[in-house]
Protein backbone atom coordinates (compact mmCIF):
# COMPACT_ATOMS: atom_id res chain seq x y z
CA MET A 1 0.00 0.00 0.00
CA ARG A 2 1.28 3.43 -0.93
CA PHE A 3 -0.22 6.81 -0.07
CA THR A 4 0.53 10.52 0.27
CA HIS A 5 -0.32 12.36 3.48
CA THR A 6 -0.72 16.12 3.38
CA ALA A 7 -2.65 18.75 5.35
CA ASP A 8 -3.02 22.50 5.83
CA CYS A 9 -2.84 23.35 2.14
CA HIS A 10 -4.73 26.62 2.74
CA ILE A 11 -5.38 27.19 -0.95
CA GLY A 12 -6.32 30.83 -1.49
CA GLY A 13 -5.03 31.85 1.94
CA HIS A 14 -2.05 34.15 1.40
CA ARG A 15 -2.61 37.92 1.13
CA ASN A 16 0.35 38.33 -1.21
CA PRO A 17 -0.67 37.19 -4.73
CA LYS A 18 2.83 35.84 -5.43
CA LEU A 19 2.66 33.67 -2.33
CA ARG A 20 -0.81 32.47 -3.32
CA ILE A 21 0.77 31.30 -6.57
CA LEU A 22 3.46 29.41 -4.64
CA THR A 23 0.77 27.81 -2.45
CA GLU A 24 -0.92 26.51 -5.58
CA ASP A 25 2.41 25.45 -7.13
CA ALA A 26 3.18 23.45 -3.98
CA PHE A 27 -0.16 21.64 -4.22
CA SER A 28 0.37 20.98 -7.91
CA THR A 29 3.84 19.59 -7.15
CA MET A 30 2.40 17.24 -4.52
CA VAL A 31 -0.15 16.00 -7.05
CA SER A 32 2.51 15.46 -9.74
CA GLU A 33 4.82 13.60 -7.34
CA SER A 34 1.93 11.45 -6.08
CA ILE A 35 1.10 10.46 -9.65
CA GLU A 36 4.76 9.73 -10.38
CA ALA A 37 5.03 7.60 -7.22
CA LYS A 38 1.89 5.70 -8.31
CA VAL A 39 0.24 6.06 -4.90
CA ASP A 40 -3.04 4.31 -4.24
CA PHE A 41 -4.59 7.34 -2.58
CA VAL A 42 -3.96 10.79 -1.08
CA LEU A 43 -4.92 11.86 2.45
CA ILE A 44 -5.79 15.51 3.16
CA SER A 45 -6.14 16.03 6.92
CA GLY A 46 -8.05 19.28 6.92
CA ASP A 47 -7.72 22.85 5.62
CA LEU A 48 -7.56 22.07 1.93
CA PHE A 49 -8.92 25.61 1.57
CA ASN A 50 -8.37 28.63 3.78
CA THR A 51 -12.10 29.28 4.13
CA ALA A 52 -15.32 27.27 4.02
CA ILE A 53 -16.45 29.08 0.86
CA PRO A 54 -13.33 29.69 -1.26
CA GLY A 55 -13.15 32.04 -4.22
CA ILE A 56 -13.84 30.86 -7.75
CA ASP A 57 -10.16 30.95 -8.77
CA ALA A 58 -9.10 28.80 -5.80
CA LEU A 59 -11.93 26.37 -6.51
CA LYS A 60 -11.14 26.11 -10.23
CA PHE A 61 -7.49 25.38 -9.47
CA THR A 62 -8.33 22.72 -6.89
CA VAL A 63 -10.86 20.98 -9.12
CA THR A 64 -8.25 20.84 -11.90
CA GLN A 65 -5.64 19.26 -9.62
CA LEU A 66 -8.02 16.75 -8.05
CA SER A 67 -9.20 15.81 -11.56
CA ARG A 68 -5.60 14.93 -12.44
CA LEU A 69 -5.54 12.45 -9.57
CA LYS A 70 -8.92 11.00 -10.49
CA LYS A 71 -7.78 10.50 -14.10
CA GLU A 72 -4.90 8.35 -12.80
CA GLY A 73 -7.22 6.30 -10.59
CA ILE A 74 -5.82 7.82 -7.38
CA ARG A 75 -8.47 8.25 -4.70
CA VAL A 76 -8.52 11.25 -2.34
CA TYR A 77 -9.73 10.98 1.26
CA ALA A 78 -10.18 14.11 3.34
CA ILE A 79 -11.72 15.70 6.41
CA PRO A 80 -12.77 19.34 6.91
CA GLY A 81 -10.36 21.46 8.92
CA SER A 82 -10.86 24.41 11.22
CA HIS A 83 -10.55 26.79 8.25
CA ASP A 84 -12.63 25.03 5.58
CA PHE A 85 -15.56 24.12 7.86
CA SER A 86 -18.09 26.69 9.07
CA PRO A 87 -20.28 26.59 12.22
CA SER A 88 -23.30 26.17 9.96
CA GLY A 89 -21.80 22.93 8.66
CA LYS A 90 -20.88 24.28 5.24
CA THR A 91 -17.73 22.97 3.59
CA MET A 92 -16.67 22.91 -0.04
CA LEU A 93 -15.53 19.33 0.51
CA ASP A 94 -19.19 18.31 0.19
CA VAL A 95 -19.33 19.82 -3.31
CA LEU A 96 -16.07 18.14 -4.31
CA GLU A 97 -17.36 14.82 -2.97
CA ARG A 98 -20.60 15.18 -4.94
CA ALA A 99 -18.44 15.70 -8.04
CA GLY A 100 -16.58 12.46 -7.34
CA LEU A 101 -13.23 14.17 -6.72
CA LEU A 102 -12.74 13.10 -3.09
CA VAL A 103 -14.37 11.28 -0.19
CA ASN A 104 -15.05 13.05 3.09
CA VAL A 105 -14.42 10.31 5.69
CA TRP A 106 -15.87 12.37 8.55
CA ARG A 107 -19.11 10.47 8.87
CA GLY A 108 -21.01 8.70 11.63
CA GLU A 109 -23.88 9.12 14.05
CA VAL A 110 -24.55 9.59 17.74
CA LYS A 111 -26.20 6.62 19.46
CA GLU A 112 -26.89 6.49 23.17
CA GLY A 113 -24.64 9.49 23.72
CA LYS A 114 -21.70 7.99 21.86
CA LEU A 115 -20.23 9.08 18.52
CA ARG A 116 -20.01 5.99 16.33
CA LEU A 117 -17.81 6.67 13.33
CA GLU A 118 -18.32 4.96 9.99
CA LEU A 119 -15.40 3.30 8.21
CA THR A 120 -14.84 3.87 4.48
CA GLU A 121 -13.09 0.97 2.77
CA ASP A 122 -10.59 1.62 -0.01
CA SER A 123 -9.96 -0.83 -2.85
CA THR A 124 -6.64 -1.74 -1.19
CA GLY A 125 -8.63 -3.09 1.75
CA VAL A 126 -7.60 -0.38 4.21
CA LYS A 127 -10.44 1.31 6.10
CA LEU A 128 -10.52 5.04 6.79
CA THR A 129 -12.37 7.38 9.12
CA GLY A 130 -11.70 10.60 10.98
CA ILE A 131 -12.93 13.60 12.92
CA LEU A 132 -13.16 17.10 11.49
CA GLY A 133 -11.35 20.11 12.95
CA ARG A 134 -13.14 23.11 14.45
CA ARG A 135 -11.90 26.50 15.57
CA GLY A 136 -11.29 27.04 19.26
CA GLN A 137 -10.82 23.30 19.88
CA LEU A 138 -14.60 22.81 19.65
CA ASP A 139 -13.91 19.40 18.12
CA LYS A 140 -12.88 18.22 21.60
CA GLU A 141 -16.45 17.16 22.38
CA HIS A 142 -16.35 14.69 19.48
CA TYR A 143 -13.32 12.97 20.97
CA GLU A 144 -14.86 12.97 24.44
CA ASP A 145 -18.00 11.26 23.07
CA LEU A 146 -16.14 8.93 20.70
CA ASP A 147 -17.01 5.23 20.82
CA GLN A 148 -13.48 3.84 21.14
CA SER A 149 -14.54 0.35 20.07
CA ILE A 150 -14.01 1.37 16.44
CA GLY A 151 -10.34 0.55 16.94
CA LYS A 152 -11.28 -3.12 17.38
CA GLU A 153 -12.67 -3.39 13.87
CA PRO A 154 -10.60 -5.98 11.95
CA GLY A 155 -8.11 -5.02 9.23
CA ASP A 156 -5.75 -2.13 8.57
CA LYS A 157 -7.23 1.24 9.45
CA ILE A 158 -6.27 4.92 9.03
CA PHE A 159 -7.58 7.73 11.24
CA LEU A 160 -7.59 11.34 9.99
CA PHE A 161 -7.65 14.14 12.57
CA HIS A 162 -7.26 17.93 12.67
CA THR A 163 -6.50 18.97 16.21
CA THR A 164 -3.69 19.81 18.64
CA LEU A 165 -2.28 17.00 20.80
CA ASP A 166 -0.61 17.62 24.17
CA GLU A 167 2.30 15.31 23.51
CA LEU A 168 3.25 16.89 20.18
CA LYS A 169 2.64 20.53 21.02
CA PRO A 170 5.78 22.69 20.69
CA PRO A 171 6.68 25.08 23.56
CA ARG A 172 5.67 28.16 21.52
CA MET A 173 2.11 26.80 21.51
CA ALA A 174 1.93 26.26 25.29
CA ASP A 175 -1.12 28.52 25.67
CA ILE A 176 -3.10 26.89 22.86
CA PRO A 177 -5.86 24.45 23.97
CA SER A 178 -5.10 20.82 23.20
CA GLN A 179 -6.04 17.29 24.14
CA PRO A 180 -4.14 14.10 25.00
CA VAL A 181 -3.15 11.45 22.50
CA SER A 182 -5.33 9.04 24.50
CA PHE A 183 -8.39 10.75 23.01
CA LEU A 184 -7.53 9.06 19.71
CA PRO A 185 -8.91 5.55 19.21
CA GLU A 186 -6.37 2.75 19.52
CA GLY A 187 -5.86 0.06 16.89
CA PHE A 188 -5.10 2.13 13.79
CA MET A 189 -2.02 1.61 11.63
CA TYR A 190 -1.69 5.32 10.80
CA TYR A 191 -2.97 8.55 12.32
CA ALA A 192 -2.95 11.31 9.69
CA GLY A 193 -2.81 14.63 11.51
CA GLY A 194 -3.32 18.24 10.54
CA HIS A 195 -3.96 21.68 12.06
CA VAL A 196 -0.61 22.06 13.87
CA HIS A 197 1.89 23.38 11.32
CA ILE A 198 4.77 21.21 12.50
CA VAL A 199 6.57 18.18 11.10
CA GLU A 200 6.38 15.43 13.72
CA ARG A 201 6.02 11.66 14.05
CA TYR A 202 4.95 10.05 17.32
CA ASN A 203 5.23 6.40 18.34
CA LYS A 204 4.47 5.38 21.90
CA GLY A 205 2.50 2.64 23.59
CA PRO A 206 -0.55 1.56 21.59
CA TYR A 207 -0.14 4.43 19.13
CA ASN A 208 2.09 4.14 16.07
CA ASN A 209 2.52 6.60 13.23
CA ILE A 210 0.79 9.66 14.65
CA VAL A 211 2.03 12.07 12.00
CA TYR A 212 1.85 15.82 11.42
CA PRO A 213 3.13 16.64 7.90
CA GLY A 214 3.24 20.42 8.36
CA PRO A 215 1.84 22.78 5.71
CA LEU A 216 2.38 22.18 2.01
CA PHE A 217 3.61 25.77 1.90
CA PRO A 218 4.22 28.05 4.92
CA ASN A 219 1.09 30.06 5.61
CA SER A 220 2.47 33.10 7.43
CA PHE A 221 5.49 35.34 7.95
CA SER A 222 6.59 33.41 11.05
CA GLU A 223 6.16 30.04 9.32
CA LEU A 224 8.30 31.19 6.42
CA GLU A 225 10.94 32.18 8.99
CA GLU A 226 10.71 28.94 10.92
CA LEU A 227 10.09 26.36 8.19
CA GLY A 228 11.36 28.01 5.03
CA HIS A 229 9.39 25.54 2.91
CA GLY A 230 6.62 22.97 3.13
CA GLY A 231 6.19 19.32 2.30
CA TYR A 232 4.29 16.08 2.87
CA PHE A 233 4.84 12.43 3.78
CA LEU A 234 4.93 9.41 1.48
CA TYR A 235 3.99 6.04 3.00
CA GLU A 236 5.21 2.96 1.15
CA ASP A 237 4.52 -0.47 2.66
CA GLY A 238 5.39 0.59 6.20
CA GLU A 239 8.16 3.04 5.27
CA LEU A 240 7.54 6.73 5.83
CA THR A 241 9.52 9.30 3.83
CA ARG A 242 9.47 13.07 4.20
CA LYS A 243 9.12 14.89 0.87
CA ASP A 244 10.15 18.53 0.98
CA ILE A 245 8.65 21.02 -1.47
CA LYS A 246 11.00 23.97 -1.95
CA MET A 247 9.39 26.55 -4.19
CA LYS A 248 11.70 29.50 -3.47
CA ASP A 249 14.64 30.15 -1.15
CA THR A 250 13.84 32.34 1.84
CA VAL A 251 16.13 35.04 3.25
CA SER A 252 15.41 36.36 6.75
CA ILE A 253 16.76 39.84 7.53
CA PRO A 254 16.26 40.73 11.20
CA PHE A 255 16.99 44.41 11.81
CA SER A 256 17.13 46.20 15.17
CA VAL A 257 16.94 50.00 15.40
CA GLU A 258 17.66 50.00 19.13
CA GLY A 259 19.84 52.95 20.11
CA LEU A 260 19.75 54.49 16.62
CA SER A 261 18.18 57.65 15.29
CA GLY A 262 15.91 57.42 12.27
CA PRO A 263 18.58 58.48 9.72
CA GLU A 264 21.20 56.22 11.37
CA ALA A 265 18.84 53.27 11.19
CA ARG A 266 18.13 53.96 7.50
CA GLU A 267 21.84 54.05 6.69
CA LYS A 268 22.54 50.84 8.62
CA LEU A 269 19.58 49.07 6.99
CA THR A 270 20.79 50.03 3.50
CA GLU A 271 24.22 48.66 4.33
CA GLN A 272 22.84 45.41 5.72
CA ILE A 273 20.54 44.55 2.82
CA SER A 274 23.29 45.33 0.29
CA LYS A 275 25.17 42.28 1.58
CA GLU A 276 22.30 39.86 0.99
CA GLU A 277 21.77 37.61 -2.03
CA ILE A 278 18.15 38.33 -2.86
CA ALA A 279 17.62 37.41 -6.54
CA ASP A 280 14.31 35.55 -7.00
CA LYS A 281 14.03 34.85 -3.28
CA ILE A 282 11.40 35.50 -0.61
CA ILE A 283 12.73 38.28 1.61
CA LEU A 284 11.54 38.54 5.21
CA LEU A 285 12.25 41.88 6.88
CA ARG A 286 11.63 41.77 10.62
CA PHE A 287 12.10 45.09 12.42
CA SER A 288 12.50 45.53 16.17
CA GLY A 289 13.65 48.06 18.75
CA ARG A 290 12.98 51.69 19.53
CA ILE A 291 14.30 54.63 17.49
CA THR A 292 15.92 57.18 19.80
CA GLU A 293 15.33 60.24 17.61
CA GLY A 294 13.14 60.97 14.65
CA SER A 295 10.31 58.73 13.47
CA ILE A 296 9.71 55.39 11.82
CA THR A 297 9.10 57.17 8.53
CA ASP A 298 12.82 58.07 8.49
CA LEU A 299 13.49 54.41 7.74
CA ASP A 300 11.52 54.71 4.50
CA ILE A 301 10.45 51.09 4.72
CA PRO A 302 8.23 51.32 1.59
CA GLY A 303 11.24 52.59 -0.34
CA VAL A 304 13.41 49.75 0.95
CA VAL A 305 10.77 47.22 -0.03
CA LYS A 306 10.44 48.72 -3.50
CA GLN A 307 14.19 48.55 -3.97
CA LEU A 308 14.34 44.89 -2.90
CA GLU A 309 11.40 43.96 -5.12
CA GLN A 310 13.44 44.86 -8.20
CA LYS A 311 15.37 41.60 -7.74
CA ALA A 312 13.55 39.54 -5.11
CA TYR A 313 10.58 37.27 -5.83
CA CYS A 314 8.61 39.04 -3.10
CA VAL A 315 9.26 41.01 0.07
CA LEU A 316 7.39 40.69 3.37
CA ARG A 317 7.89 42.96 6.36
CA ASN A 318 6.99 42.75 10.04
CA THR A 319 7.09 45.93 12.14
CA SER A 320 5.12 44.77 15.20
CA LYS A 321 8.16 45.19 17.48
CA LEU A 322 9.20 48.57 16.06
CA SER A 323 8.58 51.79 17.99
CA THR A 324 9.90 55.29 18.66
CA SER A 325 10.79 57.09 21.87
CA GLU A 326 7.76 59.33 21.36
CA PHE A 327 5.43 56.46 22.25
CA VAL A 328 6.96 55.29 25.52
CA GLN A 329 4.22 54.48 28.04
CA GLN A 330 3.86 57.05 30.85
CA ASP A 331 2.94 54.43 33.44
CA PRO A 332 6.25 52.81 34.49
CA HIS A 333 4.41 49.61 35.41
CA ILE A 334 3.05 49.14 31.89
CA GLU A 335 5.77 48.22 29.42
CA ASP A 336 3.77 47.98 26.19
CA ALA A 337 0.30 47.92 24.67
CA GLU A 338 -0.23 44.26 25.51
CA HIS A 339 0.56 44.86 29.19
CA MET A 340 -1.78 47.85 29.22
CA GLU A 341 -4.53 45.75 27.69
CA ASN A 342 -4.02 43.00 30.28
CA ALA A 343 -4.00 45.54 33.10
CA LEU A 344 -7.29 47.09 31.97
CA LEU A 345 -8.96 43.71 31.55
CA ALA A 346 -7.79 42.61 34.99
CA GLU A 347 -9.11 45.84 36.50
CA HIS A 348 -12.57 45.26 35.02
CA ALA A 349 -12.63 41.46 35.32
CA SER A 350 -15.71 41.49 37.56
CA GLU A 351 -17.68 43.21 34.81
CA LEU A 352 -16.59 40.81 32.08
CA LYS A 353 -18.92 37.89 32.61
CA ILE A 354 -21.10 36.09 30.08
CA ASP A 355 -23.66 33.60 31.38
CA GLY A 356 -21.70 33.38 34.60
CA ARG A 357 -18.39 32.66 32.84
CA GLU A 358 -15.29 34.72 33.46
CA GLY A 359 -14.83 36.83 30.36
CA VAL A 360 -11.21 38.04 30.46
CA GLU A 361 -9.83 35.34 28.17
CA LEU A 362 -12.83 35.68 25.87
CA ALA A 363 -12.29 39.45 25.72
CA LYS A 364 -8.64 38.93 24.83
CA SER A 365 -9.56 36.51 22.06
CA LEU A 366 -12.21 38.86 20.67
CA LEU A 367 -9.83 41.85 20.72
CA LYS A 368 -7.24 39.81 18.84
CA LEU A 369 -9.85 38.72 16.31
CA LEU A 370 -11.17 42.25 15.77
CA SER A 371 -7.65 43.55 15.15
CA ARG A 372 -7.28 41.30 12.11
CA GLU A 373 -7.22 43.26 8.87
CA PRO A 374 -8.78 41.98 5.63
CA GLU A 375 -6.46 39.74 3.65
CA GLU A 376 -5.30 40.98 0.27
CA GLY A 377 -7.92 39.99 -2.28
CA GLU A 378 -10.48 39.15 0.43
CA LYS A 379 -13.88 40.59 -0.39
CA GLN A 380 -15.51 42.83 2.23
CA TYR A 381 -18.42 40.44 2.71
CA GLU A 382 -15.98 37.52 3.10
CA TYR A 383 -14.05 39.48 5.72
CA LYS A 384 -17.20 40.36 7.66
CA GLU A 385 -18.48 36.79 7.47
CA SER A 386 -15.21 35.35 8.77
CA ILE A 387 -15.08 37.84 11.67
CA ILE A 388 -18.68 37.15 12.67
CA THR A 389 -18.25 33.38 12.33
CA GLU A 390 -15.09 33.28 14.44
CA ALA A 391 -16.59 35.61 17.05
CA LEU A 392 -19.66 33.40 17.43
CA GLU A 393 -17.44 30.34 17.77
CA LEU A 394 -15.48 32.02 20.55
CA ILE A 395 -18.65 33.06 22.39
CA ASP A 396 -20.24 29.61 22.04
CA LYS A 397 -17.10 27.81 23.19
């Protein structure tokens, strides 16, 4: 038996149009390599799309690629992820399944308070099932109610999931809700994970081959810094091989303005970027520190970006840690905006209650959500719908 395992494709997700192209190129590469490897089927463990109702261009591209697999007799099994499944139950996977391009293996029914999953049998004899992903770890209730006896069904079985597991959660995600590996049913030969954009394989006790393949292409500035590229896993008769997909080289340029005036920082920045090889590469400019004199505009960041774009494939910038001496907080006990926000929420904690629940964490989550700007190319109605949907999910959690 031979199969490809991928997840977190996020087709249509990037704001930058050039990075959206690379996201599609990565998916197309995975399809081509799967055909070349003559796999029996492809697993997509959630977030094929970046939204439940993707744009026409993203849908046309995906249909074309899935049709290539179907033409070669390669089946596709998938589950909805936290991005491509809406609270109303809408997911484009249902449309693709109706068209015969994939099979959504998230299926079952609740009997006597227990979730009894249904197994889908492939022509190779392996049986597949899985649980969808939901924002805010709302899928946890499905695992809590899961009838674990499904693991005793005879034959080889594969379980698809899209959630965060305690045992595989990296330190940087310590504050993110998760659940233990023991929530997964035992007795499966392979656990195809998604949602957490890390590359990990876990084998312990009754669980073998719990695998996170990471994204097919990094989906954010920080992921491009950390991962550089995406990839997937190829399973061949018990052997698991990591397949990297390197679309473009990435160059990270961290730049601190600490202790510099605006003009000094501009001069130093020009000198630093002149030493970098940038031709046809993704450039990541991360700024930090506080300018002692002048303003951030003295850096002329747009001008620097424009200059780099003459040779680079694309240029991304992050200025979240950049400030000037003019904006130092007056309260010595409050170091930055985040601390001020936390202090104000703590001060009014008694007033932040919803249905008897403490509302500080909810308020923080809502503030973070409301600070999100529309993605490049995202229609206004799509932006509003996503904000409302995510806010309702947070409130209902």
